[in-house]
N, C-alpha and C. Protein backbone atom coordinates (compact mmCIF):
# COMPACT_ATOMS: atom_id res chain seq x y z
N MET A 1 -4.93 25.07 -38.91
CA MET A 1 -5.41 24.27 -37.74
C MET A 1 -6.82 24.59 -37.55
N SER A 2 -7.76 23.72 -37.89
CA SER A 2 -8.93 23.89 -37.86
C SER A 2 -9.55 23.50 -36.10
N ARG A 3 -10.85 23.77 -35.52
CA ARG A 3 -11.08 23.99 -34.44
C ARG A 3 -11.25 22.76 -34.11
N ARG A 4 -12.20 22.24 -35.23
CA ARG A 4 -12.14 20.60 -35.00
C ARG A 4 -10.95 20.11 -34.75
N ALA A 5 -9.80 19.87 -35.22
CA ALA A 5 -8.76 19.26 -35.21
C ALA A 5 -7.95 19.46 -34.24
N LEU A 6 -8.16 20.63 -33.23
CA LEU A 6 -7.69 20.88 -32.37
C LEU A 6 -8.51 20.49 -30.92
N LEU A 7 -9.97 20.28 -31.16
CA LEU A 7 -10.33 19.70 -29.99
C LEU A 7 -10.83 17.98 -29.94
N ALA A 8 -10.11 17.66 -31.26
CA ALA A 8 -10.00 15.95 -31.73
C ALA A 8 -8.67 15.47 -30.78
N GLY A 9 -7.69 16.73 -30.97
CA GLY A 9 -6.02 16.58 -30.16
C GLY A 9 -6.74 16.39 -28.56
N ILE A 10 -7.44 17.76 -28.27
CA ILE A 10 -7.21 17.67 -26.91
C ILE A 10 -8.07 16.51 -26.23
N ALA A 11 -9.47 16.21 -26.87
CA ALA A 11 -9.55 15.01 -26.45
C ALA A 11 -8.91 13.69 -26.26
N THR A 12 -8.13 13.56 -27.63
CA THR A 12 -7.70 12.14 -27.69
C THR A 12 -6.44 12.20 -26.13
N GLY A 13 -6.02 13.87 -25.99
CA GLY A 13 -5.02 13.60 -25.10
C GLY A 13 -5.51 13.38 -23.75
N ALA A 14 -6.71 13.58 -23.49
CA ALA A 14 -7.54 13.90 -22.54
C ALA A 14 -8.01 12.11 -22.05
N GLY A 15 -8.00 11.87 -22.80
CA GLY A 15 -8.44 10.29 -22.92
C GLY A 15 -7.50 9.47 -22.56
N ALA A 16 -6.05 9.54 -23.50
CA ALA A 16 -5.11 8.68 -23.10
C ALA A 16 -4.47 9.18 -21.39
N ALA A 17 -4.12 10.21 -20.75
CA ALA A 17 -4.38 10.61 -19.37
C ALA A 17 -5.17 9.92 -18.74
N ALA A 18 -6.42 10.31 -19.33
CA ALA A 18 -7.67 9.29 -18.17
C ALA A 18 -7.02 7.62 -17.90
N ALA A 19 -7.03 7.06 -19.66
CA ALA A 19 -6.55 5.52 -19.30
C ALA A 19 -5.18 5.35 -18.65
N GLY A 20 -4.36 6.22 -19.10
CA GLY A 20 -2.87 5.88 -18.53
C GLY A 20 -2.90 6.39 -16.47
N THR A 21 -4.19 7.34 -15.89
CA THR A 21 -4.26 6.73 -14.33
C THR A 21 -5.18 6.12 -13.91
N ALA A 22 -6.46 5.83 -14.88
CA ALA A 22 -7.32 4.00 -14.63
C ALA A 22 -5.80 2.85 -14.52
N LEU A 23 -5.25 2.68 -15.42
CA LEU A 23 -3.89 1.30 -15.26
C LEU A 23 -2.99 1.44 -14.53
N TRP A 24 -2.52 2.95 -13.55
CA TRP A 24 -1.30 3.13 -13.15
C TRP A 24 -1.60 1.90 -11.66
N PRO A 25 -2.67 1.78 -11.40
CA PRO A 25 -2.44 0.71 -9.81
C PRO A 25 -2.13 -0.90 -10.56
N LEU A 26 -3.16 -0.98 -11.43
CA LEU A 26 -2.86 -2.43 -12.07
C LEU A 26 -1.33 -2.73 -12.62
N ALA A 27 -0.52 -2.06 -13.44
CA ALA A 27 0.61 -2.06 -13.25
C ALA A 27 1.24 -2.05 -12.42
N ALA A 28 0.94 -1.40 -11.86
CA ALA A 28 2.26 -1.35 -10.24
C ALA A 28 1.77 -2.60 -9.44
N ALA A 29 0.64 -3.23 -9.45
CA ALA A 29 0.27 -4.01 -8.67
C ALA A 29 0.81 -5.53 -9.60
N VAL A 30 0.75 -5.23 -11.00
CA VAL A 30 1.57 -6.54 -11.30
C VAL A 30 3.31 -6.79 -11.30
N VAL A 31 3.84 -5.22 -11.52
CA VAL A 31 5.11 -5.27 -11.27
C VAL A 31 5.81 -5.10 -10.37
N ASP A 32 4.93 -4.61 -9.15
CA ASP A 32 5.92 -4.72 -7.42
C ASP A 32 6.15 -6.02 -7.02
N PRO A 33 5.19 -7.32 -7.27
CA PRO A 33 5.57 -8.24 -6.94
C PRO A 33 6.60 -9.33 -7.64
N LEU A 34 7.36 -8.64 -9.35
CA LEU A 34 8.01 -9.34 -9.76
C LEU A 34 9.26 -8.81 -9.57
N LEU A 35 9.70 -7.49 -8.72
CA LEU A 35 10.80 -7.20 -8.75
C LEU A 35 11.40 -8.05 -7.40
N GLY A 36 10.60 -8.62 -5.95
CA GLY A 36 11.58 -9.14 -5.47
C GLY A 36 11.46 -8.86 -4.24
N LYS A 37 10.70 -7.57 -3.92
CA LYS A 37 11.39 -6.80 -2.16
C LYS A 37 11.34 -7.28 -1.78
N ALA A 38 11.46 -8.11 -0.47
CA ALA A 38 11.11 -8.65 0.53
C ALA A 38 11.24 -7.91 1.40
N SER A 39 10.61 -7.00 2.83
CA SER A 39 10.99 -6.05 3.62
C SER A 39 10.65 -7.00 4.70
N LYS A 40 11.06 -6.08 6.00
CA LYS A 40 10.96 -6.50 7.28
C LYS A 40 9.26 -5.85 7.37
N GLU A 41 8.98 -4.92 6.48
CA GLU A 41 7.45 -5.00 6.38
C GLU A 41 6.54 -5.89 5.95
N ASP A 42 6.78 -6.62 5.38
CA ASP A 42 6.06 -7.57 4.60
C ASP A 42 5.84 -9.17 5.47
N ALA A 43 6.97 -9.35 6.58
CA ALA A 43 6.94 -10.29 7.40
C ALA A 43 5.73 -11.24 7.78
N PRO A 44 5.78 -12.05 7.92
CA PRO A 44 4.42 -12.84 8.29
C PRO A 44 4.15 -12.97 9.65
N TRP A 45 5.08 -12.08 10.12
CA TRP A 45 4.59 -11.83 12.32
C TRP A 45 4.62 -10.56 12.31
N VAL A 46 3.98 -10.04 13.65
CA VAL A 46 4.18 -8.85 14.42
C VAL A 46 4.43 -8.79 16.06
N ASP A 47 5.53 -7.87 15.52
CA ASP A 47 6.64 -8.27 16.90
C ASP A 47 5.26 -7.11 18.28
N VAL A 48 5.27 -7.75 19.11
CA VAL A 48 4.14 -7.15 20.11
C VAL A 48 5.00 -6.74 21.30
N ALA A 49 6.39 -7.44 21.75
CA ALA A 49 6.53 -6.67 23.04
C ALA A 49 8.37 -7.08 22.42
N GLY A 50 8.92 -6.77 23.38
CA GLY A 50 11.19 -6.83 23.27
C GLY A 50 11.10 -7.80 24.30
N GLU A 51 11.66 -8.45 23.88
CA GLU A 51 11.97 -9.20 25.04
C GLU A 51 12.85 -9.17 26.40
N LYS A 52 13.34 -7.53 26.61
CA LYS A 52 13.58 -7.18 28.02
C LYS A 52 12.14 -6.99 28.64
N GLU A 53 11.03 -6.45 27.56
CA GLU A 53 9.52 -6.35 28.25
C GLU A 53 9.06 -7.57 28.69
N MET A 54 9.46 -8.43 28.79
CA MET A 54 8.90 -9.84 29.14
C MET A 54 9.33 -10.69 30.12
N ARG A 55 8.41 -10.63 31.49
CA ARG A 55 8.38 -11.02 32.57
C ARG A 55 7.96 -12.41 32.69
N ALA A 56 8.50 -13.54 33.19
CA ALA A 56 7.65 -14.72 33.16
C ALA A 56 6.61 -14.48 34.65
N ASP A 57 7.04 -13.82 35.80
CA ASP A 57 6.05 -13.72 37.27
C ASP A 57 4.64 -12.44 37.19
N VAL A 58 5.09 -11.74 35.52
CA VAL A 58 3.98 -10.67 35.56
C VAL A 58 3.21 -10.50 34.06
N PRO A 59 1.71 -11.33 33.52
CA PRO A 59 1.08 -11.44 32.72
C PRO A 59 1.64 -9.85 31.51
N LEU A 60 1.38 -9.67 30.82
CA LEU A 60 1.55 -8.46 29.71
C LEU A 60 0.48 -8.27 29.02
N LYS A 61 0.34 -6.72 28.82
CA LYS A 61 -1.09 -6.97 27.75
C LYS A 61 -1.27 -5.92 27.21
N GLY A 62 -0.68 -5.81 25.48
CA GLY A 62 -0.40 -4.58 25.34
C GLY A 62 -1.93 -4.87 23.58
N THR A 63 -1.65 -3.67 22.98
CA THR A 63 -2.43 -3.71 21.74
C THR A 63 -1.70 -4.04 20.50
N VAL A 64 -2.20 -4.71 19.64
CA VAL A 64 -1.20 -5.28 18.23
C VAL A 64 -1.82 -4.10 17.42
N ARG A 65 -0.90 -3.47 16.85
CA ARG A 65 -1.25 -2.28 15.80
C ARG A 65 -0.46 -2.91 14.81
N ILE A 66 -0.67 -2.58 13.15
CA ILE A 66 0.24 -2.96 12.50
C ILE A 66 0.06 -2.16 11.46
N ALA A 67 0.61 -2.01 10.66
CA ALA A 67 0.60 -1.01 9.42
C ALA A 67 0.28 -1.60 7.85
N VAL A 68 -1.28 -1.55 7.12
CA VAL A 68 -1.55 -2.53 6.17
C VAL A 68 -1.29 -1.38 5.25
N ARG A 69 -0.88 -1.92 4.31
CA ARG A 69 -1.58 -1.23 2.69
C ARG A 69 -1.92 -1.69 1.79
N ASP A 70 -2.93 -0.88 2.04
CA ASP A 70 -4.39 -0.50 1.15
C ASP A 70 -4.17 0.52 -0.10
N GLY A 71 -3.47 -0.09 -1.36
CA GLY A 71 -3.50 0.70 -2.54
C GLY A 71 -2.00 1.62 -2.52
N PHE A 72 -2.64 2.75 -2.32
CA PHE A 72 -1.63 3.94 -2.39
C PHE A 72 -1.53 4.42 -0.85
N PHE A 73 -2.24 4.56 -0.40
CA PHE A 73 -2.03 4.32 1.54
C PHE A 73 -1.85 3.34 2.46
N THR A 74 -0.78 3.95 3.67
CA THR A 74 -0.81 2.72 4.50
C THR A 74 -1.27 3.40 5.96
N THR A 75 -1.96 2.53 6.46
CA THR A 75 -2.71 2.94 7.64
C THR A 75 -2.20 2.09 8.74
N LEU A 76 -2.34 2.31 10.44
CA LEU A 76 -1.86 1.47 11.30
C LEU A 76 -3.60 1.15 12.04
N VAL A 77 -3.42 -0.28 11.95
CA VAL A 77 -5.02 -0.90 11.83
C VAL A 77 -4.64 -1.68 13.63
N ASP A 78 -5.38 -1.96 14.29
CA ASP A 78 -5.40 -2.53 15.80
C ASP A 78 -6.25 -3.76 15.35
N LEU A 79 -5.03 -4.51 15.84
CA LEU A 79 -5.62 -6.04 15.54
C LEU A 79 -6.14 -6.78 17.09
N GLY A 80 -6.34 -6.10 18.06
CA GLY A 80 -6.91 -6.72 19.36
C GLY A 80 -5.93 -6.23 20.39
N ALA A 81 -6.31 -7.04 21.63
CA ALA A 81 -4.98 -6.62 22.54
C ALA A 81 -4.64 -8.34 23.20
N VAL A 82 -3.34 -8.42 23.61
CA VAL A 82 -2.93 -9.58 23.60
C VAL A 82 -2.36 -9.80 25.09
């Protein structure tokens, strides 16, 4: 095996690995909604307080924090106070 053929094989493998790494998030974004895994995390509402924590005669103030999925990471984001 010549040095040129070896380097061509290494370059081809590195290019394929780079392309696969670049296309993985796109493939995950296309396939994930098709699986239809609806969970409590994807619900359109946010639980602020439990029913036992609420009283009619006392105002309640709390901070609303939700988990936001951004690509690969999930972070807690403060939406504000209610």
